Amino acid sequence: QVQLVESGGGLVQAGGSLQLSCAASGRTFNSNAMGWFRQAPGKEREFVAGILTTDRSTRYADSVRGRFTISRDNAKNTLYLQMNSLKPEDTAVYYCAVDRSVYRISSSQYNYEYWGQGTQVTVSA
């Protein structure tokens, strides 16, 4: 059984930093693309960042580019999201997910096969 468990969320002031982690178990995802999504109250789930294994290429939403960094440690089967210069509009539940593809990073949630339960990030003004 595949399980993704996010951690590292919390309450932080604007301008602060948090690092999210996503630990995968049940199988390894060393080949699949992986990503982070977020969902704020009353809004649809949106793509935040994604990463490939093949060449470590990354993709970011315009709203977080330059502030967030996605990375992965295949030896630990863990995905990370370093979030700096946080803004109140970054407040959301953050989810990690595994893409069905190994060749491209999709921004569509419908291309992702496995999901974590989410971790809350709250940024106060």
PDB file of N, CA and C in Angstrom:
ATOM      1  N   GLN A   1       0.843  -1.186   0.000  1.00  0.00           N
ATOM      2  CA  GLN A   1       0.000   0.000   0.000  1.00  0.00           C
ATOM      3  C   GLN A   1       0.881   1.240   0.000  1.00  0.00           C
ATOM      4  N   VAL A   2       0.612   2.120  -0.932  1.00  0.00           N
ATOM      5  CA  VAL A   2       1.391   3.342  -1.044  1.00  0.00           C
ATOM      6  C   VAL A   2       0.894   4.365  -0.034  1.00  0.00           C
ATOM      7  N   GLN A   3       1.844   5.008   0.629  1.00  0.00           N
ATOM      8  CA  GLN A   3       1.485   6.046   1.592  1.00  0.00           C
ATOM      9  C   GLN A   3       2.426   7.227   1.453  1.00  0.00           C
ATOM     10  N   LEU A   4       1.866   8.421   1.396  1.00  0.00           N
ATOM     11  CA  LEU A   4       2.630   9.660   1.379  1.00  0.00           C
ATOM     12  C   LEU A   4       2.243  10.449   2.623  1.00  0.00           C
ATOM     13  N   VAL A   5       3.230  10.849   3.397  1.00  0.00           N
ATOM     14  CA  VAL A   5       2.956  11.556   4.643  1.00  0.00           C
ATOM     15  C   VAL A   5       3.708  12.879   4.644  1.00  0.00           C
ATOM     16  N   GLU A   6       2.942  13.978   4.648  1.00  0.00           N
ATOM     17  CA  GLU A   6       3.546  15.296   4.703  1.00  0.00           C
ATOM     18  C   GLU A   6       3.772  15.727   6.150  1.00  0.00           C
ATOM     19  N   SER A   7       4.767  16.562   6.330  1.00  0.00           N
ATOM     20  CA  SER A   7       5.031  17.152   7.644  1.00  0.00           C
ATOM     21  C   SER A   7       5.723  18.488   7.441  1.00  0.00           C
ATOM     22  N   GLY A   8       5.796  19.272   8.522  1.00  0.00           N
ATOM     23  CA  GLY A   8       6.520  20.532   8.473  1.00  0.00           C
ATOM     24  C   GLY A   8       5.646  21.766   8.381  1.00  0.00           C
ATOM     25  N   GLY A   9       4.345  21.580   8.248  1.00  0.00           N
ATOM     26  CA  GLY A   9       3.462  22.734   8.199  1.00  0.00           C
ATOM     27  C   GLY A   9       3.361  23.405   9.562  1.00  0.00           C
ATOM     28  N   GLY A  10       2.722  24.568   9.579  1.00  0.00           N
ATOM     29  CA  GLY A  10       2.558  25.285  10.833  1.00  0.00           C
ATOM     30  C   GLY A  10       2.168  26.727  10.612  1.00  0.00           C
ATOM     31  N   LEU A  11       2.285  27.501  11.684  1.00  0.00           N
ATOM     32  CA  LEU A  11       1.966  28.923  11.650  1.00  0.00           C
ATOM     33  C   LEU A  11       3.253  29.723  11.622  1.00  0.00           C
ATOM     34  N   VAL A  12       3.340  30.668  10.690  1.00  0.00           N
ATOM     35  CA  VAL A  12       4.542  31.488  10.549  1.00  0.00           C
ATOM     36  C   VAL A  12       4.126  32.907  10.172  1.00  0.00           C
ATOM     37  N   GLN A  13       4.929  33.858  10.558  1.00  0.00           N
ATOM     38  CA  GLN A  13       4.659  35.240  10.180  1.00  0.00           C
ATOM     39  C   GLN A  13       5.092  35.505   8.743  1.00  0.00           C
ATOM     40  N   ALA A  14       4.483  36.482   8.146  1.00  0.00           N
ATOM     41  CA  ALA A  14       4.866  36.880   6.793  1.00  0.00           C
ATOM     42  C   ALA A  14       6.351  37.197   6.751  1.00  0.00           C
ATOM     43  N   GLY A  15       6.996  36.715   5.687  1.00  0.00           N
ATOM     44  CA  GLY A  15       8.436  36.875   5.545  1.00  0.00           C
ATOM     45  C   GLY A  15       9.235  35.722   6.100  1.00  0.00           C
ATOM     46  N   GLY A  16       8.577  34.836   6.816  1.00  0.00           N
ATOM     47  CA  GLY A  16       9.251  33.694   7.410  1.00  0.00           C
ATOM     48  C   GLY A  16       9.415  32.534   6.449  1.00  0.00           C
ATOM     49  N   SER A  17       9.937  31.430   6.986  1.00  0.00           N
ATOM     50  CA  SER A  17      10.234  30.254   6.174  1.00  0.00           C
ATOM     51  C   SER A  17       9.701  28.986   6.832  1.00  0.00           C
ATOM     52  N   LEU A  18       9.413  28.006   6.004  1.00  0.00           N
ATOM     53  CA  LEU A  18       9.049  26.665   6.443  1.00  0.00           C
ATOM     54  C   LEU A  18       9.604  25.681   5.433  1.00  0.00           C
ATOM     55  N   GLN A  19       9.902  24.472   5.906  1.00  0.00           N
ATOM     56  CA  GLN A  19      10.256  23.394   5.000  1.00  0.00           C
ATOM     57  C   GLN A  19       9.284  22.248   5.184  1.00  0.00           C
ATOM     58  N   LEU A  20       8.623  21.885   4.108  1.00  0.00           N
ATOM     59  CA  LEU A  20       7.720  20.742   4.112  1.00  0.00           C
ATOM     60  C   LEU A  20       8.473  19.499   3.653  1.00  0.00           C
ATOM     61  N   SER A  21       8.089  18.370   4.231  1.00  0.00           N
ATOM     62  CA  SER A  21       8.644  17.076   3.820  1.00  0.00           C
ATOM     63  C   SER A  21       7.505  16.147   3.462  1.00  0.00           C
ATOM     64  N   CYS A  22       7.800  15.234   2.569  1.00  0.00           N
ATOM     65  CA  CYS A  22       6.821  14.220   2.165  1.00  0.00           C
ATOM     66  C   CYS A  22       7.551  12.882   2.092  1.00  0.00           C
ATOM     67  N   ALA A  23       7.252  12.017   3.026  1.00  0.00           N
ATOM     68  CA  ALA A  23       7.891  10.706   3.081  1.00  0.00           C
ATOM     69  C   ALA A  23       7.003   9.670   2.410  1.00  0.00           C
ATOM     70  N   ALA A  24       7.576   8.935   1.485  1.00  0.00           N
ATOM     71  CA  ALA A  24       6.826   7.925   0.749  1.00  0.00           C
ATOM     72  C   ALA A  24       7.174   6.540   1.277  1.00  0.00           C
ATOM     73  N   SER A  25       6.189   5.698   1.364  1.00  0.00           N
ATOM     74  CA  SER A  25       6.411   4.317   1.774  1.00  0.00           C
ATOM     75  C   SER A  25       5.508   3.407   0.966  1.00  0.00           C
ATOM     76  N   GLY A  26       5.835   2.152   0.967  1.00  0.00           N
ATOM     77  CA  GLY A  26       5.041   1.185   0.226  1.00  0.00           C
ATOM     78  C   GLY A  26       5.646   0.838  -1.113  1.00  0.00           C
ATOM     79  N   ARG A  27       6.334   1.772  -1.710  1.00  0.00           N
ATOM     80  CA  ARG A  27       7.096   1.546  -2.925  1.00  0.00           C
ATOM     81  C   ARG A  27       7.980   2.761  -3.129  1.00  0.00           C
ATOM     82  N   THR A  28       8.945   2.614  -3.993  1.00  0.00           N
ATOM     83  CA  THR A  28       9.824   3.737  -4.282  1.00  0.00           C
ATOM     84  C   THR A  28       9.331   4.460  -5.523  1.00  0.00           C
ATOM     85  N   PHE A  29       9.595   5.752  -5.556  1.00  0.00           N
ATOM     86  CA  PHE A  29       9.178   6.579  -6.683  1.00  0.00           C
ATOM     87  C   PHE A  29      10.382   7.267  -7.295  1.00  0.00           C
ATOM     88  N   ASN A  30      11.459   6.508  -7.424  1.00  0.00           N
ATOM     89  CA  ASN A  30      12.687   7.126  -7.901  1.00  0.00           C
ATOM     90  C   ASN A  30      12.606   7.565  -9.353  1.00  0.00           C
ATOM     91  N   SER A  31      11.644   7.049 -10.100  1.00  0.00           N
ATOM     92  CA  SER A  31      11.539   7.422 -11.500  1.00  0.00           C
ATOM     93  C   SER A  31      10.423   8.424 -11.770  1.00  0.00           C
ATOM     94  N   ASN A  32       9.381   8.403 -10.983  1.00  0.00           N
ATOM     95  CA  ASN A  32       8.225   9.249 -11.252  1.00  0.00           C
ATOM     96  C   ASN A  32       8.496  10.706 -10.921  1.00  0.00           C
ATOM     97  N   ALA A  33       7.867  11.580 -11.697  1.00  0.00           N
ATOM     98  CA  ALA A  33       7.848  12.982 -11.315  1.00  0.00           C
ATOM     99  C   ALA A  33       7.002  13.117 -10.047  1.00  0.00           C
ATOM    100  N   MET A  34       7.347  14.094  -9.237  1.00  0.00           N
ATOM    101  CA  MET A  34       6.584  14.356  -8.021  1.00  0.00           C
ATOM    102  C   MET A  34       6.311  15.839  -7.911  1.00  0.00           C
ATOM    103  N   GLY A  35       5.276  16.174  -7.176  1.00  0.00           N
ATOM    104  CA  GLY A  35       4.918  17.582  -7.095  1.00  0.00           C
ATOM    105  C   GLY A  35       4.263  17.952  -5.785  1.00  0.00           C
ATOM    106  N   TRP A  36       4.155  19.254  -5.594  1.00  0.00           N
ATOM    107  CA  TRP A  36       3.420  19.843  -4.483  1.00  0.00           C
ATOM    108  C   TRP A  36       2.250  20.658  -5.027  1.00  0.00           C
ATOM    109  N   PHE A  37       1.119  20.499  -4.385  1.00  0.00           N
ATOM    110  CA  PHE A  37      -0.072  21.282  -4.683  1.00  0.00           C
ATOM    111  C   PHE A  37      -0.539  21.940  -3.394  1.00  0.00           C
ATOM    112  N   ARG A  38      -1.438  22.896  -3.522  1.00  0.00           N
ATOM    113  CA  ARG A  38      -2.018  23.514  -2.329  1.00  0.00           C
ATOM    114  C   ARG A  38      -3.477  23.880  -2.609  1.00  0.00           C
ATOM    115  N   GLN A  39      -4.232  23.936  -1.519  1.00  0.00           N
ATOM    116  CA  GLN A  39      -5.632  24.291  -1.643  1.00  0.00           C
ATOM    117  C   GLN A  39      -6.015  25.214  -0.488  1.00  0.00           C
ATOM    118  N   ALA A  40      -6.420  26.419  -0.830  1.00  0.00           N
ATOM    119  CA  ALA A  40      -6.885  27.384   0.155  1.00  0.00           C
ATOM    120  C   ALA A  40      -8.398  27.242   0.297  1.00  0.00           C
ATOM    121  N   PRO A  41      -8.958  27.674   1.427  1.00  0.00           N
ATOM    122  CA  PRO A  41     -10.415  27.571   1.618  1.00  0.00           C
ATOM    123  C   PRO A  41     -11.185  28.261   0.505  1.00  0.00           C
ATOM    124  N   GLY A  42     -12.150  27.537  -0.052  1.00  0.00           N
ATOM    125  CA  GLY A  42     -12.986  28.102  -1.103  1.00  0.00           C
ATOM    126  C   GLY A  42     -12.350  28.160  -2.473  1.00  0.00           C
ATOM    127  N   LYS A  43     -11.149  27.629  -2.595  1.00  0.00           N
ATOM    128  CA  LYS A  43     -10.448  27.654  -3.886  1.00  0.00           C
ATOM    129  C   LYS A  43     -10.127  26.259  -4.352  1.00  0.00           C
ATOM    130  N   GLU A  44      -9.841  26.150  -5.638  1.00  0.00           N
ATOM    131  CA  GLU A  44      -9.468  24.863  -6.193  1.00  0.00           C
ATOM    132  C   GLU A  44      -8.017  24.537  -5.849  1.00  0.00           C
ATOM    133  N   ARG A  45      -7.725  23.254  -5.876  1.00  0.00           N
ATOM    134  CA  ARG A  45      -6.348  22.829  -5.652  1.00  0.00           C
ATOM    135  C   ARG A  45      -5.481  23.325  -6.805  1.00  0.00           C
ATOM    136  N   GLU A  46      -4.317  23.873  -6.479  1.00  0.00           N
ATOM    137  CA  GLU A  46      -3.450  24.423  -7.516  1.00  0.00           C
ATOM    138  C   GLU A  46      -2.034  23.868  -7.408  1.00  0.00           C
ATOM    139  N   PHE A  47      -1.402  23.798  -8.557  1.00  0.00           N
ATOM    140  CA  PHE A  47      -0.023  23.337  -8.653  1.00  0.00           C
ATOM    141  C   PHE A  47       0.915  24.363  -8.041  1.00  0.00           C
ATOM    142  N   VAL A  48       1.897  23.868  -7.302  1.00  0.00           N
ATOM    143  CA  VAL A  48       2.893  24.736  -6.693  1.00  0.00           C
ATOM    144  C   VAL A  48       4.275  24.508  -7.321  1.00  0.00           C
ATOM    145  N   ALA A  49       4.711  23.250  -7.337  1.00  0.00           N
ATOM    146  CA  ALA A  49       6.047  22.937  -7.857  1.00  0.00           C
ATOM    147  C   ALA A  49       6.122  21.459  -8.175  1.00  0.00           C
ATOM    148  N   GLY A  50       7.024  21.104  -9.106  1.00  0.00           N
ATOM    149  CA  GLY A  50       7.228  19.712  -9.455  1.00  0.00           C
ATOM    150  C   GLY A  50       8.683  19.462  -9.805  1.00  0.00           C
ATOM    151  N   ILE A  51       9.084  18.192  -9.765  1.00  0.00           N
ATOM    152  CA  ILE A  51      10.471  17.842 -10.028  1.00  0.00           C
ATOM    153  C   ILE A  51      10.546  16.485 -10.723  1.00  0.00           C
ATOM    154  N   LEU A  52      11.473  16.381 -11.670  1.00  0.00           N
ATOM    155  CA  LEU A  52      11.742  15.120 -12.338  1.00  0.00           C
ATOM    156  C   LEU A  52      12.923  14.419 -11.672  1.00  0.00           C
ATOM    157  N   THR A  53      12.949  13.114 -11.800  1.00  0.00           N
ATOM    158  CA  THR A  53      14.108  12.363 -11.339  1.00  0.00           C
ATOM    159  C   THR A  53      15.194  12.317 -12.396  1.00  0.00           C
ATOM    160  N   THR A  54      14.771  12.187 -13.647  1.00  0.00           N
ATOM    161  CA  THR A  54      15.702  11.931 -14.748  1.00  0.00           C
ATOM    162  C   THR A  54      16.801  12.974 -14.839  1.00  0.00           C
ATOM    163  N   ASP A  55      16.420  14.247 -14.794  1.00  0.00           N
ATOM    164  CA  ASP A  55      17.433  15.288 -14.912  1.00  0.00           C
ATOM    165  C   ASP A  55      17.316  16.343 -13.820  1.00  0.00           C
ATOM    166  N   ARG A  56      16.522  16.055 -12.813  1.00  0.00           N
ATOM    167  CA  ARG A  56      16.311  16.962 -11.682  1.00  0.00           C
ATOM    168  C   ARG A  56      15.724  18.302 -12.119  1.00  0.00           C
ATOM    169  N   SER A  57      15.133  18.353 -13.270  1.00  0.00           N
ATOM    170  CA  SER A  57      14.520  19.610 -13.693  1.00  0.00           C
ATOM    171  C   SER A  57      13.312  19.904 -12.820  1.00  0.00           C
ATOM    172  N   THR A  58      13.000  21.179 -12.697  1.00  0.00           N
ATOM    173  CA  THR A  58      11.921  21.620 -11.829  1.00  0.00           C
ATOM    174  C   THR A  58      10.979  22.552 -12.572  1.00  0.00           C
ATOM    175  N   ARG A  59       9.821  22.715 -11.995  1.00  0.00           N
ATOM    176  CA  ARG A  59       8.816  23.608 -12.556  1.00  0.00           C
ATOM    177  C   ARG A  59       8.093  24.245 -11.390  1.00  0.00           C
ATOM    178  N   TYR A  60       7.799  25.539 -11.507  1.00  0.00           N
ATOM    179  CA  TYR A  60       7.145  26.264 -10.434  1.00  0.00           C
ATOM    180  C   TYR A  60       5.966  27.086 -10.942  1.00  0.00           C
ATOM    181  N   ALA A  61       5.005  27.259 -10.086  1.00  0.00           N
ATOM    182  CA  ALA A  61       3.940  28.212 -10.375  1.00  0.00           C
ATOM    183  C   ALA A  61       4.537  29.622 -10.314  1.00  0.00           C
ATOM    184  N   ASP A  62       3.999  30.521 -11.111  1.00  0.00           N
ATOM    185  CA  ASP A  62       4.513  31.888 -11.137  1.00  0.00           C
ATOM    186  C   ASP A  62       4.443  32.539  -9.756  1.00  0.00           C
ATOM    187  N   SER A  63       3.435  32.169  -9.002  1.00  0.00           N
ATOM    188  CA  SER A  63       3.217  32.812  -7.704  1.00  0.00           C
ATOM    189  C   SER A  63       4.276  32.460  -6.665  1.00  0.00           C
ATOM    190  N   VAL A  64       5.039  31.380  -6.896  1.00  0.00           N
ATOM    191  CA  VAL A  64       6.023  30.962  -5.891  1.00  0.00           C
ATOM    192  C   VAL A  64       7.447  30.951  -6.432  1.00  0.00           C
ATOM    193  N   ARG A  65       7.605  31.149  -7.725  1.00  0.00           N
ATOM    194  CA  ARG A  65       8.945  31.085  -8.324  1.00  0.00           C
ATOM    195  C   ARG A  65       9.849  32.132  -7.676  1.00  0.00           C
ATOM    196  N   GLY A  66      11.047  31.683  -7.307  1.00  0.00           N
ATOM    197  CA  GLY A  66      12.004  32.574  -6.652  1.00  0.00           C
ATOM    198  C   GLY A  66      11.905  32.566  -5.140  1.00  0.00           C
ATOM    199  N   ARG A  67      10.814  32.028  -4.612  1.00  0.00           N
ATOM    200  CA  ARG A  67      10.632  31.957  -3.155  1.00  0.00           C
ATOM    201  C   ARG A  67      10.635  30.510  -2.655  1.00  0.00           C
ATOM    202  N   PHE A  68      10.129  29.586  -3.450  1.00  0.00           N
ATOM    203  CA  PHE A  68      10.033  28.190  -3.048  1.00  0.00           C
ATOM    204  C   PHE A  68      11.050  27.367  -3.834  1.00  0.00           C
ATOM    205  N   THR A  69      11.547  26.301  -3.211  1.00  0.00           N
ATOM    206  CA  THR A  69      12.467  25.379  -3.864  1.00  0.00           C
ATOM    207  C   THR A  69      12.041  23.952  -3.577  1.00  0.00           C
ATOM    208  N   ILE A  70      11.846  23.183  -4.645  1.00  0.00           N
ATOM    209  CA  ILE A  70      11.490  21.773  -4.508  1.00  0.00           C
ATOM    210  C   ILE A  70      12.739  20.930  -4.690  1.00  0.00           C
ATOM    211  N   SER A  71      12.835  19.862  -3.913  1.00  0.00           N
ATOM    212  CA  SER A  71      13.971  18.942  -4.035  1.00  0.00           C
ATOM    213  C   SER A  71      13.515  17.559  -3.599  1.00  0.00           C
ATOM    214  N   ARG A  72      14.333  16.560  -3.893  1.00  0.00           N
ATOM    215  CA  ARG A  72      13.997  15.195  -3.494  1.00  0.00           C
ATOM    216  C   ARG A  72      15.261  14.446  -3.119  1.00  0.00           C
ATOM    217  N   ASP A  73      15.129  13.549  -2.195  1.00  0.00           N
ATOM    218  CA  ASP A  73      16.211  12.651  -1.772  1.00  0.00           C
ATOM    219  C   ASP A  73      15.724  11.236  -2.058  1.00  0.00           C
ATOM    220  N   ASN A  74      16.201  10.673  -3.159  1.00  0.00           N
ATOM    221  CA  ASN A  74      15.712   9.356  -3.548  1.00  0.00           C
ATOM    222  C   ASN A  74      16.142   8.273  -2.566  1.00  0.00           C
ATOM    223  N   ALA A  75      17.287   8.453  -1.957  1.00  0.00           N
ATOM    224  CA  ALA A  75      17.765   7.458  -0.994  1.00  0.00           C
ATOM    225  C   ALA A  75      16.817   7.361   0.200  1.00  0.00           C
ATOM    226  N   LYS A  76      16.205   8.498   0.541  1.00  0.00           N
ATOM    227  CA  LYS A  76      15.262   8.530   1.659  1.00  0.00           C
ATOM    228  C   LYS A  76      13.810   8.452   1.192  1.00  0.00           C
ATOM    229  N   ASN A  77      13.618   8.418  -0.134  1.00  0.00           N
ATOM    230  CA  ASN A  77      12.257   8.384  -0.682  1.00  0.00           C
ATOM    231  C   ASN A  77      11.433   9.548  -0.146  1.00  0.00           C
ATOM    232  N   THR A  78      12.056  10.719  -0.125  1.00  0.00           N
ATOM    233  CA  THR A  78      11.434  11.892   0.486  1.00  0.00           C
ATOM    234  C   THR A  78      11.499  13.089  -0.454  1.00  0.00           C
ATOM    235  N   LEU A  79      10.412  13.824  -0.491  1.00  0.00           N
ATOM    236  CA  LEU A  79      10.283  15.048  -1.278  1.00  0.00           C
ATOM    237  C   LEU A  79      10.237  16.231  -0.315  1.00  0.00           C
ATOM    238  N   TYR A  80      10.830  17.356  -0.725  1.00  0.00           N
ATOM    239  CA  TYR A  80      10.872  18.536   0.134  1.00  0.00           C
ATOM    240  C   TYR A  80      10.342  19.763  -0.603  1.00  0.00           C
ATOM    241  N   LEU A  81       9.881  20.728   0.172  1.00  0.00           N
ATOM    242  CA  LEU A  81       9.528  22.036  -0.360  1.00  0.00           C
ATOM    243  C   LEU A  81      10.012  23.087   0.635  1.00  0.00           C
ATOM    244  N   GLN A  82      11.054  23.801   0.256  1.00  0.00           N
ATOM    245  CA  GLN A  82      11.553  24.896   1.070  1.00  0.00           C
ATOM    246  C   GLN A  82      10.801  26.159   0.669  1.00  0.00           C
ATOM    247  N   MET A  83      10.153  26.772   1.651  1.00  0.00           N
ATOM    248  CA  MET A  83       9.327  27.953   1.377  1.00  0.00           C
ATOM    249  C   MET A  83       9.908  29.146   2.135  1.00  0.00           C
ATOM    250  N   ASN A  84      10.361  30.132   1.383  1.00  0.00           N
ATOM    251  CA  ASN A  84      10.928  31.346   1.967  1.00  0.00           C
ATOM    252  C   ASN A  84      10.068  32.554   1.608  1.00  0.00           C
ATOM    253  N   SER A  85      10.281  33.643   2.323  1.00  0.00           N
ATOM    254  CA  SER A  85       9.543  34.891   2.066  1.00  0.00           C
ATOM    255  C   SER A  85       8.048  34.633   1.964  1.00  0.00           C
ATOM    256  N   LEU A  86       7.534  33.900   2.918  1.00  0.00           N
ATOM    257  CA  LEU A  86       6.119  33.512   2.882  1.00  0.00           C
ATOM    258  C   LEU A  86       5.202  34.718   2.989  1.00  0.00           C
ATOM    259  N   LYS A  87       4.071  34.610   2.304  1.00  0.00           N
ATOM    260  CA  LYS A  87       3.061  35.664   2.269  1.00  0.00           C
ATOM    261  C   LYS A  87       1.739  35.116   2.796  1.00  0.00           C
ATOM    262  N   PRO A  88       0.858  35.973   3.279  1.00  0.00           N
ATOM    263  CA  PRO A  88      -0.445  35.483   3.749  1.00  0.00           C
ATOM    264  C   PRO A  88      -1.200  34.706   2.678  1.00  0.00           C
ATOM    265  N   GLU A  89      -1.015  35.071   1.428  1.00  0.00           N
ATOM    266  CA  GLU A  89      -1.703  34.348   0.349  1.00  0.00           C
ATOM    267  C   GLU A  89      -1.147  32.959   0.098  1.00  0.00           C
ATOM    268  N   ASP A  90      -0.068  32.595   0.764  1.00  0.00           N
ATOM    269  CA  ASP A  90       0.446  31.217   0.694  1.00  0.00           C
ATOM    270  C   ASP A  90      -0.293  30.293   1.660  1.00  0.00           C
ATOM    271  N   THR A  91      -1.151  30.849   2.479  1.00  0.00           N
ATOM    272  CA  THR A  91      -1.912  30.038   3.430  1.00  0.00           C
ATOM    273  C   THR A  91      -2.796  29.035   2.699  1.00  0.00           C
ATOM    274  N   ALA A  92      -2.629  27.755   3.045  1.00  0.00           N
ATOM    275  CA  ALA A  92      -3.365  26.681   2.370  1.00  0.00           C
ATOM    276  C   ALA A  92      -2.981  25.345   3.014  1.00  0.00           C
ATOM    277  N   VAL A  93      -3.697  24.319   2.612  1.00  0.00           N
ATOM    278  CA  VAL A  93      -3.263  22.951   2.897  1.00  0.00           C
ATOM    279  C   VAL A  93      -2.377  22.516   1.735  1.00  0.00           C
ATOM    280  N   TYR A  94      -1.195  22.031   2.062  1.00  0.00           N
ATOM    281  CA  TYR A  94      -0.229  21.630   1.052  1.00  0.00           C
ATOM    282  C   TYR A  94      -0.193  20.108   0.938  1.00  0.00           C
ATOM    283  N   TYR A  95      -0.228  19.626  -0.301  1.00  0.00           N
ATOM    284  CA  TYR A  95      -0.240  18.199  -0.579  1.00  0.00           C
ATOM    285  C   TYR A  95       0.948  17.813  -1.465  1.00  0.00           C
ATOM    286  N   CYS A  96       1.538  16.673  -1.180  1.00  0.00           N
ATOM    287  CA  CYS A  96       2.503  16.122  -2.124  1.00  0.00           C
ATOM    288  C   CYS A  96       1.807  15.033  -2.941  1.00  0.00           C
ATOM    289  N   ALA A  97       2.340  14.788  -4.123  1.00  0.00           N
ATOM    290  CA  ALA A  97       1.695  13.835  -5.025  1.00  0.00           C
ATOM    291  C   ALA A  97       2.721  13.229  -5.967  1.00  0.00           C
ATOM    292  N   VAL A  98       2.392  12.052  -6.461  1.00  0.00           N
ATOM    293  CA  VAL A  98       3.241  11.329  -7.402  1.00  0.00           C
ATOM    294  C   VAL A  98       2.579  11.301  -8.762  1.00  0.00           C
ATOM    295  N   ASP A  99       3.307  11.781  -9.757  1.00  0.00           N
ATOM    296  CA  ASP A  99       2.810  11.818 -11.126  1.00  0.00           C
ATOM    297  C   ASP A  99       2.874  10.430 -11.745  1.00  0.00           C
ATOM    298  N   ARG A 100       2.008  10.159 -12.671  1.00  0.00           N
ATOM    299  CA  ARG A 100       2.069   8.889 -13.395  1.00  0.00           C
ATOM    300  C   ARG A 100       3.241   8.859 -14.357  1.00  0.00           C
ATOM    301  N   SER A 101       3.741  10.006 -14.738  1.00  0.00           N
ATOM    302  CA  SER A 101       4.778  10.099 -15.751  1.00  0.00           C
ATOM    303  C   SER A 101       6.168  10.188 -15.129  1.00  0.00           C
ATOM    304  N   VAL A 102       7.139   9.720 -15.908  1.00  0.00           N
ATOM    305  CA  VAL A 102       8.539   9.904 -15.515  1.00  0.00           C
ATOM    306  C   VAL A 102       9.222  10.929 -16.400  1.00  0.00           C
ATOM    307  N   TYR A 103       8.493  11.425 -17.413  1.00  0.00           N
ATOM    308  CA  TYR A 103       9.133  12.254 -18.428  1.00  0.00           C
ATOM    309  C   TYR A 103       8.771  13.730 -18.382  1.00  0.00           C
ATOM    310  N   ARG A 104       7.704  14.091 -17.720  1.00  0.00           N
ATOM    311  CA  ARG A 104       7.318  15.488 -17.709  1.00  0.00           C
ATOM    312  C   ARG A 104       6.681  15.832 -16.370  1.00  0.00           C
ATOM    313  N   ILE A 105       6.692  17.104 -16.061  1.00  0.00           N
ATOM    314  CA  ILE A 105       6.077  17.601 -14.834  1.00  0.00           C
ATOM    315  C   ILE A 105       4.744  18.225 -15.218  1.00  0.00           C
ATOM    316  N   SER A 106       3.691  17.672 -14.738  1.00  0.00           N
ATOM    317  CA  SER A 106       2.367  18.186 -15.058  1.00  0.00           C
ATOM    318  C   SER A 106       1.881  19.145 -13.978  1.00  0.00           C
ATOM    319  N   SER A 107       1.170  20.162 -14.393  1.00  0.00           N
ATOM    320  CA  SER A 107       0.557  21.087 -13.433  1.00  0.00           C
ATOM    321  C   SER A 107      -0.901  20.710 -13.159  1.00  0.00           C
ATOM    322  N   SER A 108      -1.369  19.660 -13.808  1.00  0.00           N
ATOM    323  CA  SER A 108      -2.754  19.229 -13.616  1.00  0.00           C
ATOM    324  C   SER A 108      -2.823  18.155 -12.550  1.00  0.00           C
ATOM    325  N   GLN A 109      -3.654  18.362 -11.571  1.00  0.00           N
ATOM    326  CA  GLN A 109      -3.784  17.384 -10.496  1.00  0.00           C
ATOM    327  C   GLN A 109      -4.291  16.045 -11.011  1.00  0.00           C
ATOM    328  N   TYR A 110      -4.927  16.023 -12.139  1.00  0.00           N
ATOM    329  CA  TYR A 110      -5.524  14.787 -12.649  1.00  0.00           C
ATOM    330  C   TYR A 110      -4.472  13.834 -13.208  1.00  0.00           C
ATOM    331  N   ASN A 111      -3.259  14.310 -13.384  1.00  0.00           N
ATOM    332  CA  ASN A 111      -2.171  13.454 -13.844  1.00  0.00           C
ATOM    333  C   ASN A 111      -1.408  12.810 -12.688  1.00  0.00           C
ATOM    334  N   TYR A 112      -1.788  13.131 -11.479  1.00  0.00           N
ATOM    335  CA  TYR A 112      -1.101  12.603 -10.315  1.00  0.00           C
ATOM    336  C   TYR A 112      -1.887  11.437  -9.729  1.00  0.00           C
ATOM    337  N   GLU A 113      -1.141  10.390  -9.393  1.00  0.00           N
ATOM    338  CA  GLU A 113      -1.784   9.125  -9.021  1.00  0.00           C
ATOM    339  C   GLU A 113      -1.938   8.947  -7.518  1.00  0.00           C
ATOM    340  N   TYR A 114      -0.927   9.350  -6.774  1.00  0.00           N
ATOM    341  CA  TYR A 114      -0.955   9.155  -5.321  1.00  0.00           C
ATOM    342  C   TYR A 114      -0.844  10.507  -4.626  1.00  0.00           C
ATOM    343  N   TRP A 115      -1.548  10.627  -3.500  1.00  0.00           N
ATOM    344  CA  TRP A 115      -1.608  11.881  -2.755  1.00  0.00           C
ATOM    345  C   TRP A 115      -1.390  11.649  -1.267  1.00  0.00           C
ATOM    346  N   GLY A 116      -0.773  12.647  -0.631  1.00  0.00           N
ATOM    347  CA  GLY A 116      -0.697  12.640   0.816  1.00  0.00           C
ATOM    348  C   GLY A 116      -1.968  13.219   1.414  1.00  0.00           C
ATOM    349  N   GLN A 117      -2.002  13.252   2.742  1.00  0.00           N
ATOM    350  CA  GLN A 117      -3.199  13.730   3.432  1.00  0.00           C
ATOM    351  C   GLN A 117      -3.212  15.243   3.600  1.00  0.00           C
ATOM    352  N   GLY A 118      -2.070  15.886   3.376  1.00  0.00           N
ATOM    353  CA  GLY A 118      -2.002  17.339   3.454  1.00  0.00           C
ATOM    354  C   GLY A 118      -1.453  17.843   4.775  1.00  0.00           C
ATOM    355  N   THR A 119      -0.822  18.996   4.736  1.00  0.00           N
ATOM    356  CA  THR A 119      -0.337  19.656   5.944  1.00  0.00           C
ATOM    357  C   THR A 119      -0.680  21.135   5.844  1.00  0.00           C
ATOM    358  N   GLN A 120      -1.174  21.696   6.938  1.00  0.00           N
ATOM    359  CA  GLN A 120      -1.647  23.079   6.935  1.00  0.00           C
ATOM    360  C   GLN A 120      -0.483  24.047   7.081  1.00  0.00           C
ATOM    361  N   VAL A 121      -0.478  25.049   6.231  1.00  0.00           N
ATOM    362  CA  VAL A 121       0.470  26.163   6.333  1.00  0.00           C
ATOM    363  C   VAL A 121      -0.350  27.442   6.492  1.00  0.00           C
ATOM    364  N   THR A 122      -0.085  28.169   7.559  1.00  0.00           N
ATOM    365  CA  THR A 122      -0.794  29.411   7.818  1.00  0.00           C
ATOM    366  C   THR A 122       0.225  30.530   7.977  1.00  0.00           C
ATOM    367  N   VAL A 123       0.067  31.578   7.177  1.00  0.00           N
ATOM    368  CA  VAL A 123       0.988  32.711   7.220  1.00  0.00           C
ATOM    369  C   VAL A 123       0.221  33.932   7.709  1.00  0.00           C
ATOM    370  N   SER A 124       0.639  34.457   8.823  1.00  0.00           N
ATOM    371  CA  SER A 124      -0.037  35.630   9.393  1.00  0.00           C
ATOM    372  C   SER A 124       0.601  36.914   8.886  1.00  0.00           C
ATOM    373  N   ALA A 125      -0.225  37.938   8.766  1.00  0.00           N
ATOM    374  CA  ALA A 125       0.259  39.227   8.244  1.00  0.00           C
ATOM    375  C   ALA A 125       1.098  39.971   9.282  1.00  0.00           C
TER     376      ALA A 125
END
